[in-house]
Amino acid sequence: MKGSIHHVRVVLVLAMLAGAGCGGSSVGAPPCQGVLARGICWEGKDGITVSRERAERVFDAARVLWGAPRRDLAGWSVEFSHSPPVVDGERFDGYCFGDSRLIVVAPFAADCFERSAIFHELGHAWGFDHDDPRMSGEWRSIHDAMVGSRWSGCEMEKDD
């Protein structure tokens, strides 16, 4: 009986991860080389600047967008790089690797990680799937995070 209860728990956990929108495996992340904010290691590469204040602002805005999800993301890592993640030969703007608790995002601007798929990928990490309408409606949150950052790399473009 005890073994079957464990099996049921494992199956439930695997089913939750499969439906979460986070993909498969990724190489495990090394110890945090970036900024710790809200329990997450946020790292910028390729000249992308990450500060604790900006990371916290994005995280807090994402919590509002997703309706204050039931759990935080302590122990996760977020990596911003201009090299987009490639999974099974396909390039993505961002990707959530659930088993290694890693989110990889390629920002749409040179030094503005706020202008990226980070809100979308945080949603996946919290367990939301692509059928949730918030997955494609995060522009307002991105815009507000860009303006709120007061970061010169996040200046709004004319067509924004």
N, C-alpha and C. Protein backbone atom coordinates (compact mmCIF):
# COMPACT_ATOMS: atom_id res chain seq x y z
N MET A 1 0.84 -1.19 0.00
CA MET A 1 0.00 0.00 0.00
C MET A 1 0.88 1.25 0.00
N LYS A 2 1.89 1.26 0.85
CA LYS A 2 2.75 2.42 0.95
C LYS A 2 3.42 2.72 -0.38
N GLY A 3 3.88 1.68 -1.10
CA GLY A 3 4.51 1.85 -2.41
C GLY A 3 3.54 2.42 -3.43
N SER A 4 2.28 2.00 -3.39
CA SER A 4 1.32 2.51 -4.37
C SER A 4 0.96 3.97 -4.10
N ILE A 5 0.96 4.38 -2.84
CA ILE A 5 0.72 5.79 -2.52
C ILE A 5 1.86 6.63 -3.07
N HIS A 6 3.09 6.17 -2.89
CA HIS A 6 4.25 6.88 -3.44
C HIS A 6 4.14 6.97 -4.96
N HIS A 7 3.74 5.87 -5.61
CA HIS A 7 3.59 5.84 -7.06
C HIS A 7 2.55 6.87 -7.51
N VAL A 8 1.43 6.95 -6.80
CA VAL A 8 0.38 7.92 -7.14
C VAL A 8 0.91 9.34 -7.02
N ARG A 9 1.67 9.61 -5.96
CA ARG A 9 2.25 10.95 -5.78
C ARG A 9 3.19 11.28 -6.92
N VAL A 10 4.04 10.33 -7.31
CA VAL A 10 4.98 10.57 -8.40
C VAL A 10 4.23 10.83 -9.69
N VAL A 11 3.20 10.04 -9.97
CA VAL A 11 2.40 10.24 -11.18
C VAL A 11 1.73 11.60 -11.17
N LEU A 12 1.19 12.01 -10.03
CA LEU A 12 0.54 13.32 -9.94
C LEU A 12 1.54 14.45 -10.16
N VAL A 13 2.72 14.34 -9.55
CA VAL A 13 3.74 15.38 -9.73
C VAL A 13 4.16 15.45 -11.19
N LEU A 14 4.38 14.30 -11.82
CA LEU A 14 4.76 14.30 -13.24
C LEU A 14 3.66 14.87 -14.10
N ALA A 15 2.41 14.55 -13.80
CA ALA A 15 1.29 15.09 -14.58
C ALA A 15 1.21 16.60 -14.41
N MET A 16 1.45 17.10 -13.19
CA MET A 16 1.41 18.55 -12.97
C MET A 16 2.51 19.23 -13.76
N LEU A 17 3.71 18.65 -13.77
CA LEU A 17 4.81 19.25 -14.52
C LEU A 17 4.55 19.20 -16.01
N ALA A 18 3.98 18.12 -16.50
CA ALA A 18 3.71 18.00 -17.93
C ALA A 18 2.70 19.04 -18.37
N GLY A 19 1.71 19.34 -17.54
CA GLY A 19 0.68 20.30 -17.91
C GLY A 19 1.07 21.73 -17.58
N ALA A 20 2.20 21.92 -16.97
CA ALA A 20 2.57 23.25 -16.51
C ALA A 20 3.08 24.14 -17.61
N GLY A 21 3.42 23.59 -18.75
CA GLY A 21 3.96 24.41 -19.81
C GLY A 21 5.47 24.49 -19.76
N CYS A 22 6.07 24.00 -18.69
CA CYS A 22 7.52 23.92 -18.63
C CYS A 22 7.94 22.71 -19.42
N GLY A 23 8.98 22.88 -20.22
CA GLY A 23 9.43 21.78 -21.06
C GLY A 23 10.30 20.80 -20.32
N GLY A 24 11.00 20.02 -21.08
CA GLY A 24 11.82 18.94 -20.57
C GLY A 24 13.10 19.39 -19.91
N SER A 25 14.12 18.61 -20.16
CA SER A 25 15.36 18.81 -19.42
C SER A 25 16.25 19.88 -20.02
N SER A 26 17.13 20.35 -19.19
CA SER A 26 18.15 21.32 -19.56
C SER A 26 19.37 21.02 -18.71
N VAL A 27 20.50 21.50 -19.13
CA VAL A 27 21.70 21.33 -18.31
C VAL A 27 21.48 22.07 -17.00
N GLY A 28 21.80 21.46 -15.88
CA GLY A 28 21.61 22.08 -14.57
C GLY A 28 22.35 23.39 -14.45
N ALA A 29 21.74 24.34 -13.78
CA ALA A 29 22.34 25.66 -13.62
C ALA A 29 23.44 25.63 -12.56
N PRO A 30 24.53 26.36 -12.78
CA PRO A 30 25.58 26.46 -11.77
C PRO A 30 25.11 27.35 -10.62
N PRO A 31 25.89 27.44 -9.55
CA PRO A 31 25.51 28.34 -8.45
C PRO A 31 25.27 29.76 -8.99
N CYS A 32 24.41 30.50 -8.32
CA CYS A 32 23.99 31.82 -8.80
C CYS A 32 25.18 32.74 -9.07
N GLN A 33 25.26 33.20 -10.30
CA GLN A 33 26.28 34.16 -10.71
C GLN A 33 25.66 35.54 -10.93
N GLY A 34 24.39 35.66 -10.60
CA GLY A 34 23.67 36.91 -10.84
C GLY A 34 23.18 37.55 -9.57
N VAL A 35 21.90 37.93 -9.58
CA VAL A 35 21.26 38.65 -8.48
C VAL A 35 20.19 37.76 -7.87
N LEU A 36 20.19 37.61 -6.55
CA LEU A 36 19.12 36.88 -5.88
C LEU A 36 18.00 37.85 -5.54
N ALA A 37 16.81 37.54 -6.03
CA ALA A 37 15.63 38.36 -5.76
C ALA A 37 14.41 37.46 -5.69
N ARG A 38 13.66 37.55 -4.62
CA ARG A 38 12.47 36.75 -4.39
C ARG A 38 12.77 35.25 -4.47
N GLY A 39 13.98 34.87 -4.02
CA GLY A 39 14.37 33.47 -3.99
C GLY A 39 14.86 32.93 -5.32
N ILE A 40 14.85 33.75 -6.34
CA ILE A 40 15.25 33.34 -7.69
C ILE A 40 16.61 33.95 -8.01
N CYS A 41 17.45 33.18 -8.72
CA CYS A 41 18.71 33.71 -9.22
C CYS A 41 18.45 34.29 -10.61
N TRP A 42 18.63 35.59 -10.78
CA TRP A 42 18.40 36.30 -12.05
C TRP A 42 19.77 36.65 -12.61
N GLU A 43 20.05 36.18 -13.81
CA GLU A 43 21.36 36.41 -14.40
C GLU A 43 21.23 36.99 -15.81
N GLY A 44 21.99 38.05 -16.05
CA GLY A 44 22.03 38.65 -17.38
C GLY A 44 23.35 38.32 -18.06
N LYS A 45 23.28 37.92 -19.31
CA LYS A 45 24.47 37.62 -20.10
C LYS A 45 24.46 38.51 -21.33
N ASP A 46 25.55 38.52 -22.06
CA ASP A 46 25.63 39.27 -23.32
C ASP A 46 25.35 40.76 -23.15
N GLY A 47 25.76 41.33 -22.01
CA GLY A 47 25.56 42.76 -21.78
C GLY A 47 24.19 43.14 -21.25
N ILE A 48 23.39 42.18 -20.84
CA ILE A 48 22.06 42.45 -20.27
C ILE A 48 22.23 42.69 -18.78
N THR A 49 21.83 43.87 -18.32
CA THR A 49 22.01 44.28 -16.94
C THR A 49 20.79 43.88 -16.11
N VAL A 50 21.02 43.18 -15.02
CA VAL A 50 19.95 42.77 -14.11
C VAL A 50 20.26 43.35 -12.74
N SER A 51 19.30 44.06 -12.17
CA SER A 51 19.44 44.55 -10.80
C SER A 51 18.36 43.89 -9.94
N ARG A 52 18.63 43.85 -8.66
CA ARG A 52 17.65 43.26 -7.74
C ARG A 52 16.31 44.00 -7.82
N GLU A 53 16.37 45.32 -7.83
CA GLU A 53 15.14 46.12 -7.87
C GLU A 53 14.31 45.81 -9.11
N ARG A 54 14.97 45.75 -10.26
CA ARG A 54 14.23 45.47 -11.50
C ARG A 54 13.68 44.05 -11.50
N ALA A 55 14.45 43.08 -11.02
CA ALA A 55 13.98 41.69 -10.97
C ALA A 55 12.78 41.58 -10.03
N GLU A 56 12.84 42.23 -8.87
CA GLU A 56 11.71 42.19 -7.94
C GLU A 56 10.48 42.84 -8.54
N ARG A 57 10.66 43.95 -9.27
CA ARG A 57 9.53 44.63 -9.89
C ARG A 57 8.85 43.71 -10.92
N VAL A 58 9.66 43.02 -11.74
CA VAL A 58 9.10 42.10 -12.73
C VAL A 58 8.39 40.94 -12.05
N PHE A 59 9.02 40.37 -11.03
CA PHE A 59 8.42 39.24 -10.31
C PHE A 59 7.08 39.66 -9.69
N ASP A 60 7.07 40.82 -9.01
CA ASP A 60 5.84 41.28 -8.36
C ASP A 60 4.75 41.58 -9.38
N ALA A 61 5.10 42.16 -10.52
CA ALA A 61 4.11 42.42 -11.57
C ALA A 61 3.58 41.11 -12.14
N ALA A 62 4.44 40.12 -12.28
CA ALA A 62 4.01 38.82 -12.78
C ALA A 62 3.05 38.15 -11.79
N ARG A 63 3.33 38.29 -10.50
CA ARG A 63 2.41 37.72 -9.50
C ARG A 63 1.02 38.34 -9.62
N VAL A 64 0.97 39.65 -9.88
CA VAL A 64 -0.32 40.32 -10.07
C VAL A 64 -0.99 39.80 -11.34
N LEU A 65 -0.24 39.73 -12.43
CA LEU A 65 -0.79 39.25 -13.71
C LEU A 65 -1.38 37.84 -13.56
N TRP A 66 -0.68 36.98 -12.85
CA TRP A 66 -1.10 35.58 -12.72
C TRP A 66 -2.02 35.36 -11.52
N GLY A 67 -2.40 36.41 -10.80
CA GLY A 67 -3.34 36.26 -9.70
C GLY A 67 -2.71 35.72 -8.43
N ALA A 68 -1.51 36.21 -8.09
CA ALA A 68 -0.80 35.79 -6.88
C ALA A 68 -0.80 34.27 -6.74
N PRO A 69 -0.08 33.59 -7.61
CA PRO A 69 -0.05 32.12 -7.56
C PRO A 69 0.25 31.59 -6.18
N ARG A 70 -0.16 30.39 -5.97
CA ARG A 70 -0.13 29.75 -4.65
C ARG A 70 1.26 29.47 -4.11
N ARG A 71 2.30 29.55 -4.96
CA ARG A 71 3.64 29.25 -4.46
C ARG A 71 4.64 30.22 -5.06
N ASP A 72 5.71 30.42 -4.32
CA ASP A 72 6.78 31.25 -4.88
C ASP A 72 7.67 30.36 -5.73
N LEU A 73 8.71 30.93 -6.26
CA LEU A 73 9.59 30.18 -7.15
C LEU A 73 11.01 30.09 -6.59
N ALA A 74 11.11 30.00 -5.27
CA ALA A 74 12.42 29.88 -4.64
C ALA A 74 13.17 28.69 -5.20
N GLY A 75 14.45 28.89 -5.45
CA GLY A 75 15.27 27.83 -6.00
C GLY A 75 15.31 27.80 -7.52
N TRP A 76 14.53 28.66 -8.17
CA TRP A 76 14.54 28.75 -9.63
C TRP A 76 15.65 29.69 -10.07
N SER A 77 16.03 29.59 -11.33
CA SER A 77 16.99 30.51 -11.96
C SER A 77 16.37 31.06 -13.23
N VAL A 78 16.64 32.33 -13.48
CA VAL A 78 16.22 32.99 -14.71
C VAL A 78 17.48 33.49 -15.39
N GLU A 79 17.64 33.14 -16.64
CA GLU A 79 18.81 33.55 -17.40
C GLU A 79 18.37 34.34 -18.63
N PHE A 80 18.88 35.56 -18.75
CA PHE A 80 18.60 36.41 -19.90
C PHE A 80 19.83 36.41 -20.80
N SER A 81 19.63 36.11 -22.08
CA SER A 81 20.73 36.07 -23.02
C SER A 81 20.19 36.43 -24.40
N HIS A 82 21.03 37.03 -25.24
CA HIS A 82 20.58 37.34 -26.60
C HIS A 82 20.60 36.12 -27.49
N SER A 83 21.12 35.00 -26.99
CA SER A 83 21.06 33.74 -27.71
C SER A 83 19.78 33.03 -27.29
N PRO A 84 18.79 32.97 -28.17
CA PRO A 84 17.51 32.35 -27.77
C PRO A 84 17.67 30.88 -27.46
N PRO A 85 16.87 30.37 -26.54
CA PRO A 85 16.94 28.94 -26.23
C PRO A 85 16.49 28.13 -27.44
N VAL A 86 17.17 27.02 -27.66
CA VAL A 86 16.82 26.10 -28.75
C VAL A 86 16.46 24.77 -28.11
N VAL A 87 15.26 24.30 -28.39
CA VAL A 87 14.77 23.04 -27.84
C VAL A 87 14.30 22.19 -29.01
N ASP A 88 14.84 21.02 -29.11
CA ASP A 88 14.51 20.10 -30.21
C ASP A 88 14.63 20.77 -31.56
N GLY A 89 15.68 21.57 -31.71
CA GLY A 89 15.96 22.24 -32.98
C GLY A 89 15.14 23.48 -33.26
N GLU A 90 14.25 23.86 -32.36
CA GLU A 90 13.39 25.03 -32.55
C GLU A 90 13.82 26.16 -31.61
N ARG A 91 13.90 27.39 -32.16
CA ARG A 91 14.27 28.57 -31.37
C ARG A 91 13.03 29.16 -30.71
N PHE A 92 13.19 29.60 -29.47
CA PHE A 92 12.10 30.19 -28.70
C PHE A 92 12.53 31.54 -28.14
N ASP A 93 11.56 32.45 -27.88
CA ASP A 93 11.84 33.72 -27.22
C ASP A 93 12.15 33.48 -25.74
N GLY A 94 11.61 32.42 -25.21
CA GLY A 94 11.85 32.02 -23.83
C GLY A 94 11.43 30.58 -23.66
N TYR A 95 11.96 29.96 -22.62
CA TYR A 95 11.59 28.56 -22.37
C TYR A 95 11.72 28.27 -20.88
N CYS A 96 10.81 27.46 -20.39
CA CYS A 96 10.77 27.08 -18.99
C CYS A 96 11.14 25.60 -18.88
N PHE A 97 12.27 25.31 -18.25
CA PHE A 97 12.72 23.93 -18.03
C PHE A 97 12.33 23.54 -16.62
N GLY A 98 11.18 22.90 -16.48
CA GLY A 98 10.64 22.60 -15.16
C GLY A 98 11.48 21.68 -14.31
N ASP A 99 12.09 20.66 -14.93
CA ASP A 99 12.83 19.69 -14.13
C ASP A 99 14.10 20.29 -13.53
N SER A 100 14.70 21.27 -14.19
CA SER A 100 15.90 21.90 -13.63
C SER A 100 15.60 23.28 -13.03
N ARG A 101 14.31 23.65 -12.99
CA ARG A 101 13.87 24.91 -12.39
C ARG A 101 14.64 26.10 -12.99
N LEU A 102 14.65 26.13 -14.33
CA LEU A 102 15.39 27.15 -15.07
C LEU A 102 14.50 27.77 -16.13
N ILE A 103 14.50 29.10 -16.19
CA ILE A 103 13.82 29.85 -17.25
C ILE A 103 14.91 30.56 -18.04
N VAL A 104 14.89 30.38 -19.37
CA VAL A 104 15.85 31.04 -20.25
C VAL A 104 15.05 31.94 -21.18
N VAL A 105 15.44 33.23 -21.25
CA VAL A 105 14.69 34.21 -22.04
C VAL A 105 15.66 35.05 -22.87
N ALA A 106 15.28 35.31 -24.12
CA ALA A 106 16.04 36.20 -25.00
C ALA A 106 15.24 37.50 -25.14
N PRO A 107 15.67 38.58 -24.48
CA PRO A 107 14.94 39.85 -24.56
C PRO A 107 14.86 40.38 -25.99
N PHE A 108 13.84 41.18 -26.24
CA PHE A 108 13.61 41.78 -27.55
C PHE A 108 14.34 43.11 -27.69
N ALA A 109 15.09 43.52 -26.67
CA ALA A 109 15.82 44.78 -26.69
C ALA A 109 17.23 44.52 -26.16
N ALA A 110 18.17 45.35 -26.56
CA ALA A 110 19.58 45.13 -26.24
C ALA A 110 19.84 44.98 -24.74
N ASP A 111 19.34 45.89 -23.92
CA ASP A 111 19.61 45.84 -22.48
C ASP A 111 18.34 46.14 -21.69
N CYS A 112 17.27 45.40 -22.02
CA CYS A 112 16.01 45.59 -21.32
C CYS A 112 15.34 44.22 -21.17
N PHE A 113 15.67 43.53 -20.07
CA PHE A 113 15.09 42.20 -19.89
C PHE A 113 13.58 42.26 -19.64
N GLU A 114 13.08 43.44 -19.26
CA GLU A 114 11.64 43.60 -19.07
C GLU A 114 10.88 43.37 -20.38
N ARG A 115 11.51 43.76 -21.48
CA ARG A 115 10.88 43.60 -22.80
C ARG A 115 11.25 42.21 -23.33
N SER A 116 10.53 41.22 -22.83
CA SER A 116 10.85 39.84 -23.16
C SER A 116 9.63 38.96 -22.85
N ALA A 117 9.85 37.67 -22.95
CA ALA A 117 8.80 36.70 -22.65
C ALA A 117 8.83 36.28 -21.17
N ILE A 118 9.46 37.07 -20.31
CA ILE A 118 9.62 36.67 -18.91
C ILE A 118 8.28 36.49 -18.20
N PHE A 119 7.30 37.35 -18.46
CA PHE A 119 6.00 37.21 -17.80
C PHE A 119 5.35 35.88 -18.21
N HIS A 120 5.45 35.57 -19.49
CA HIS A 120 4.91 34.33 -20.05
C HIS A 120 5.58 33.12 -19.38
N GLU A 121 6.90 33.13 -19.33
CA GLU A 121 7.64 31.98 -18.78
C GLU A 121 7.44 31.84 -17.27
N LEU A 122 7.33 32.94 -16.54
CA LEU A 122 7.02 32.84 -15.11
C LEU A 122 5.65 32.19 -14.93
N GLY A 123 4.72 32.50 -15.81
CA GLY A 123 3.40 31.85 -15.77
C GLY A 123 3.53 30.33 -15.88
N HIS A 124 4.37 29.88 -16.80
CA HIS A 124 4.60 28.43 -16.93
C HIS A 124 5.20 27.86 -15.65
N ALA A 125 6.15 28.57 -15.06
CA ALA A 125 6.79 28.07 -13.84
C ALA A 125 5.78 27.95 -12.71
N TRP A 126 4.78 28.81 -12.70
CA TRP A 126 3.73 28.73 -11.68
C TRP A 126 2.69 27.67 -12.01
N GLY A 127 2.79 27.08 -13.20
CA GLY A 127 1.89 25.98 -13.53
C GLY A 127 0.82 26.30 -14.54
N PHE A 128 0.85 27.46 -15.17
CA PHE A 128 -0.17 27.81 -16.15
C PHE A 128 0.26 27.33 -17.53
N ASP A 129 -0.72 26.92 -18.34
CA ASP A 129 -0.44 26.39 -19.67
C ASP A 129 -0.86 27.41 -20.73
N HIS A 130 -0.56 27.08 -21.97
CA HIS A 130 -0.82 28.01 -23.08
C HIS A 130 -2.30 28.32 -23.31
N ASP A 131 -3.20 27.51 -22.78
CA ASP A 131 -4.62 27.80 -23.00
C ASP A 131 -5.13 28.91 -22.08
N ASP A 132 -4.32 29.40 -21.17
CA ASP A 132 -4.70 30.51 -20.31
C ASP A 132 -4.58 31.81 -21.10
N PRO A 133 -5.63 32.63 -21.15
CA PRO A 133 -5.58 33.86 -21.96
C PRO A 133 -4.50 34.85 -21.54
N ARG A 134 -4.03 34.77 -20.31
CA ARG A 134 -2.97 35.68 -19.87
C ARG A 134 -1.64 35.38 -20.56
N MET A 135 -1.51 34.20 -21.15
CA MET A 135 -0.27 33.82 -21.82
C MET A 135 0.04 34.73 -23.01
N SER A 136 -0.98 35.29 -23.61
CA SER A 136 -0.73 36.16 -24.76
C SER A 136 -1.17 37.60 -24.49
N GLY A 137 -1.54 37.91 -23.28
CA GLY A 137 -2.02 39.25 -22.97
C GLY A 137 -1.16 40.01 -21.99
N GLU A 138 0.15 39.75 -22.02
CA GLU A 138 1.00 40.37 -21.01
C GLU A 138 1.65 41.68 -21.45
N TRP A 139 1.31 42.23 -22.62
CA TRP A 139 1.95 43.45 -23.09
C TRP A 139 1.82 44.60 -22.09
N ARG A 140 0.66 44.76 -21.48
CA ARG A 140 0.48 45.85 -20.51
C ARG A 140 1.48 45.71 -19.36
N SER A 141 1.69 44.51 -18.88
CA SER A 141 2.65 44.27 -17.80
C SER A 141 4.08 44.55 -18.27
N ILE A 142 4.40 44.13 -19.49
CA ILE A 142 5.73 44.39 -20.05
C ILE A 142 5.95 45.90 -20.16
N HIS A 143 4.98 46.60 -20.72
CA HIS A 143 5.06 48.06 -20.89
C HIS A 143 5.29 48.74 -19.54
N ASP A 144 4.46 48.38 -18.56
CA ASP A 144 4.58 48.99 -17.23
C ASP A 144 5.93 48.68 -16.58
N ALA A 145 6.42 47.45 -16.76
CA ALA A 145 7.73 47.09 -16.19
C ALA A 145 8.84 47.88 -16.87
N MET A 146 8.73 48.09 -18.17
CA MET A 146 9.74 48.88 -18.89
C MET A 146 9.77 50.31 -18.38
N VAL A 147 8.60 50.92 -18.28
CA VAL A 147 8.51 52.31 -17.81
C VAL A 147 8.98 52.39 -16.35
N GLY A 148 8.54 51.44 -15.52
CA GLY A 148 8.89 51.45 -14.11
C GLY A 148 10.37 51.21 -13.84
N SER A 149 11.06 50.58 -14.78
CA SER A 149 12.48 50.29 -14.56
C SER A 149 13.32 51.55 -14.56
N ARG A 150 12.87 52.57 -15.28
CA ARG A 150 13.63 53.81 -15.45
C ARG A 150 15.06 53.50 -15.93
N TRP A 151 15.20 52.44 -16.69
CA TRP A 151 16.48 52.00 -17.21
C TRP A 151 16.64 52.53 -18.62
N SER A 152 17.77 53.15 -18.92
CA SER A 152 17.94 53.78 -20.23
C SER A 152 17.77 52.78 -21.38
N GLY A 153 18.10 51.51 -21.18
CA GLY A 153 17.93 50.50 -22.21
C GLY A 153 16.48 50.11 -22.44
N CYS A 154 15.59 50.60 -21.57
CA CYS A 154 14.16 50.25 -21.68
C CYS A 154 13.31 51.42 -22.18
N GLU A 155 13.93 52.36 -22.86
CA GLU A 155 13.13 53.47 -23.38
C GLU A 155 12.13 52.94 -24.41
N MET A 156 10.95 53.49 -24.38
CA MET A 156 9.89 53.06 -25.27
C MET A 156 10.20 53.50 -26.70
N GLU A 157 9.87 52.64 -27.65
CA GLU A 157 10.04 52.98 -29.05
C GLU A 157 8.81 53.71 -29.55
N LYS A 158 8.93 54.36 -30.68
CA LYS A 158 7.83 55.16 -31.21
C LYS A 158 6.57 54.34 -31.45
N ASP A 159 6.70 53.11 -31.89
CA ASP A 159 5.53 52.30 -32.19
C ASP A 159 4.94 51.57 -30.97
N ASP A 160 5.51 51.80 -29.77
CA ASP A 160 4.99 51.16 -28.56
C ASP A 160 3.78 51.89 -28.13
